[in-house]
Amino acid sequence: MSDFDEPTATEVDTYYLKVKKDAESSGYHLSPDTEFTKELLKSILINMERYGYGACPCRLASGDKQDDLDLICPCDYRDPDLVDYDACYCGLYISGEILSGEKKLQPIPERRPSPDEREKMKVNMGFKISNELSKPVWRCKVCGYLCARDKPPEICPICKVSGDRFEKFI
C-alpha cells in the first residue's frame, strides 16, 4: 500500500487547467484527448507526492531529484521531441500540426541518456566562466531561455519550470 492518497478528480481538473493555461500562454499545445491528458497529469501529481517533484510518468524516476531534473515535466526532451516528432515522449505536448490533424502522432524514441551516459556528461560539463562577463549566464535546460544574472530565476519566464532546471551556460 502507498503512504499517500491518490489525487482527487478535482485536484486533477485544477492541475489540468493550470498546465493547459501555462502551455497555451507559452505557445505549446496539450493533447486534445482530455481523458489521456488528465491520466498523465494525475500520474505527475502522484509523482509529486511520491518524490516531491513531478517526474514524467512515462520514465522511471530514481527518487533523487538531482538525478531526475531532466525528466521533471516539462522535461528537457520536450522541445527536441516536438521538433523531431511533433510530440513529446509521453504525448502530453503536441505540435500544432498534430492538433490540427495535418500530422498523425507517431512513436517517439527515448532520447534520455542511460545513467552511465548521464554520469559521463556531468563529469565533462565542467568549464571556466569567462572573466569578461560581470554575471554568469544561465540557460533553461527545457526551453533554452538565457539570462545573465547572479542566480537563475525562480521560475523560467518562458516555459514556467522551476529555477533548479537552469544550468550555468557561460
Protein backbone atom coordinates (compact mmCIF):
# COMPACT_ATOMS: atom_id res chain seq x y z
CA MET A 1 0.00 0.00 0.00
CA SER A 2 1.18 3.52 -0.65
CA ASP A 3 1.80 6.09 2.07
CA PHE A 4 -0.13 8.80 0.24
CA ASP A 5 -3.55 9.47 -1.19
CA GLU A 6 -4.22 9.49 -4.90
CA PRO A 7 -5.18 12.93 -6.22
CA THR A 8 -8.90 13.60 -6.38
CA ALA A 9 -10.71 14.33 -9.64
CA THR A 10 -10.98 17.96 -8.55
CA GLU A 11 -7.22 18.18 -7.94
CA VAL A 12 -6.53 16.64 -11.35
CA ASP A 13 -9.00 19.03 -13.03
CA THR A 14 -7.42 22.04 -11.29
CA TYR A 15 -3.93 20.90 -12.30
CA TYR A 16 -5.12 20.26 -15.86
CA LEU A 17 -6.45 23.82 -16.16
CA LYS A 18 -3.19 25.26 -14.79
CA VAL A 19 -0.95 23.19 -17.10
CA LYS A 20 -3.19 23.91 -20.11
CA LYS A 21 -3.15 27.67 -19.39
CA ASP A 22 0.65 27.66 -18.89
CA ALA A 23 1.18 25.63 -22.06
CA GLU A 24 -1.04 27.81 -24.22
CA SER A 25 0.41 31.05 -22.84
CA SER A 26 3.87 29.75 -23.80
CA GLY A 27 2.91 28.62 -27.30
CA TYR A 28 2.54 24.90 -26.53
CA HIS A 29 -0.41 22.55 -27.05
CA LEU A 30 -1.58 19.71 -24.83
CA SER A 31 -3.02 16.55 -26.31
CA PRO A 32 -6.69 17.17 -27.15
CA ASP A 33 -7.52 13.74 -25.69
CA THR A 34 -8.62 15.15 -22.35
CA GLU A 35 -9.02 11.76 -20.66
CA PHE A 36 -5.49 10.71 -21.70
CA THR A 37 -4.05 14.09 -20.71
CA LYS A 38 -5.69 14.03 -17.29
CA GLU A 39 -4.38 10.49 -16.67
CA LEU A 40 -0.84 11.68 -17.43
CA LEU A 41 -1.29 14.71 -15.19
CA LYS A 42 -2.73 12.51 -12.43
CA SER A 43 0.45 10.40 -12.65
CA ILE A 44 2.59 13.54 -12.44
CA LEU A 45 0.67 14.58 -9.32
CA ILE A 46 1.28 11.10 -7.87
CA ASN A 47 5.00 11.51 -8.60
CA MET A 48 4.93 14.94 -6.92
CA GLU A 49 3.53 13.29 -3.81
CA ARG A 50 5.85 10.28 -4.06
CA TYR A 51 9.13 12.06 -4.88
CA GLY A 52 8.48 15.73 -4.17
CA TYR A 53 8.74 16.61 -7.88
CA GLY A 54 6.66 15.98 -10.99
CA ALA A 55 8.67 13.34 -12.81
CA CYS A 56 7.43 12.27 -16.23
CA PRO A 57 5.16 9.28 -15.66
CA CYS A 58 6.48 7.54 -18.79
CA ARG A 59 10.01 7.22 -17.46
CA LEU A 60 11.46 5.53 -14.39
CA ALA A 61 12.35 8.15 -11.79
CA SER A 62 15.18 7.39 -9.38
CA GLY A 63 13.76 9.35 -6.48
CA ASP A 64 16.87 11.57 -6.49
CA LYS A 65 15.75 15.00 -7.71
CA GLN A 66 19.23 16.00 -8.89
CA ASP A 67 19.45 12.84 -10.99
CA ASP A 68 15.92 13.32 -12.31
CA LEU A 69 15.95 17.06 -13.07
CA ASP A 70 15.97 16.31 -16.78
CA LEU A 71 12.70 14.36 -16.62
CA ILE A 72 10.61 16.70 -14.46
CA CYS A 73 7.65 17.70 -16.59
CA PRO A 74 8.05 19.55 -18.85
CA CYS A 75 11.21 17.53 -19.36
CA ASP A 76 14.42 18.64 -21.05
CA TYR A 77 13.49 16.50 -24.05
CA ARG A 78 10.09 18.03 -24.77
CA ASP A 79 11.24 20.66 -27.26
CA PRO A 80 13.63 18.41 -29.23
CA ASP A 81 10.89 15.76 -29.38
CA LEU A 82 8.37 18.34 -30.61
CA VAL A 83 10.80 19.43 -33.33
CA ASP A 84 11.67 15.90 -34.45
CA TYR A 85 8.41 14.02 -33.82
CA ASP A 86 5.69 16.67 -33.28
CA ALA A 87 5.02 15.34 -29.77
CA CYS A 88 6.91 14.77 -26.56
CA TYR A 89 7.83 11.26 -25.42
CA CYS A 90 4.67 10.73 -23.34
CA GLY A 91 2.37 12.56 -25.77
CA LEU A 92 1.30 15.24 -23.30
CA TYR A 93 2.63 18.05 -25.50
CA ILE A 94 1.94 18.01 -29.23
CA SER A 95 2.63 20.26 -32.21
CA GLY A 96 0.03 22.48 -33.85
CA GLU A 97 0.18 20.18 -36.87
CA ILE A 98 -0.93 17.19 -34.83
CA LEU A 99 -3.55 19.31 -33.05
CA SER A 100 -5.00 20.42 -36.41
CA GLY A 101 -4.90 16.90 -37.84
CA GLU A 102 -2.29 17.71 -40.51
CA LYS A 103 0.04 15.10 -38.98
CA LYS A 104 -0.53 11.91 -37.03
CA LEU A 105 1.05 11.01 -33.73
CA GLN A 106 3.94 8.60 -34.23
CA PRO A 107 6.15 6.61 -31.84
CA ILE A 108 8.79 8.73 -30.16
CA PRO A 109 12.09 7.05 -29.28
CA GLU A 110 13.61 7.59 -25.85
CA ARG A 111 16.34 10.22 -26.04
CA ARG A 112 17.23 10.34 -22.35
CA PRO A 113 20.81 9.09 -21.99
CA SER A 114 21.44 5.99 -19.87
CA PRO A 115 22.54 6.52 -16.25
CA ASP A 116 26.16 5.84 -17.23
CA GLU A 117 25.99 8.33 -20.11
CA ARG A 118 24.39 10.96 -17.84
CA GLU A 119 27.19 10.49 -15.31
CA LYS A 120 29.84 10.99 -18.02
CA MET A 121 28.02 14.12 -19.19
CA LYS A 122 28.14 15.58 -15.66
CA VAL A 123 31.90 14.99 -15.47
CA ASN A 124 32.51 16.55 -18.89
CA MET A 125 30.39 19.66 -18.26
CA GLY A 126 32.96 21.49 -16.14
CA PHE A 127 34.32 24.62 -17.86
CA LYS A 128 35.66 28.05 -16.95
CA ILE A 129 33.39 31.05 -16.83
CA SER A 130 34.87 33.94 -18.77
CA ASN A 131 36.22 36.78 -16.61
CA GLU A 132 34.93 39.25 -19.21
CA LEU A 133 31.33 38.85 -18.08
CA SER A 134 30.10 40.63 -14.99
CA LYS A 135 27.44 37.97 -14.38
CA PRO A 136 27.13 34.28 -15.21
CA VAL A 137 24.72 33.32 -17.99
CA TRP A 138 22.07 30.77 -17.05
CA ARG A 139 20.27 28.53 -19.56
CA CYS A 140 16.94 26.84 -19.03
CA LYS A 141 17.52 23.18 -19.93
CA VAL A 142 13.90 22.82 -21.04
CA CYS A 143 13.34 25.73 -23.44
CA GLY A 144 16.81 27.27 -23.87
CA TYR A 145 15.94 30.65 -22.33
CA LEU A 146 19.14 32.55 -21.43
CA CYS A 147 19.62 35.18 -18.75
CA ALA A 148 22.66 36.90 -17.25
CA ARG A 149 22.31 37.33 -13.51
CA ASP A 150 23.86 36.15 -10.25
CA LYS A 151 21.37 33.30 -9.82
CA PRO A 152 18.85 31.69 -12.16
CA PRO A 153 15.26 32.94 -11.94
CA GLU A 154 12.94 31.13 -9.53
CA ILE A 155 10.69 30.28 -12.48
CA CYS A 156 11.55 30.35 -16.17
CA PRO A 157 9.55 33.20 -17.71
CA ILE A 158 9.18 31.24 -20.95
CA CYS A 159 8.27 27.65 -20.04
CA LYS A 160 7.47 28.11 -16.32
CA VAL A 161 9.80 25.41 -14.93
CA SER A 162 11.50 25.99 -11.58
CA GLY A 163 14.92 27.61 -11.25
CA ASP A 164 16.64 24.34 -10.44
CA ARG A 165 16.18 23.41 -14.10
CA PHE A 166 18.76 26.05 -15.13
CA GLU A 167 22.45 25.38 -15.73
CA LYS A 168 25.38 27.75 -15.96
CA PHE A 169 25.87 28.37 -19.66
CA ILE A 170 28.72 30.88 -19.63
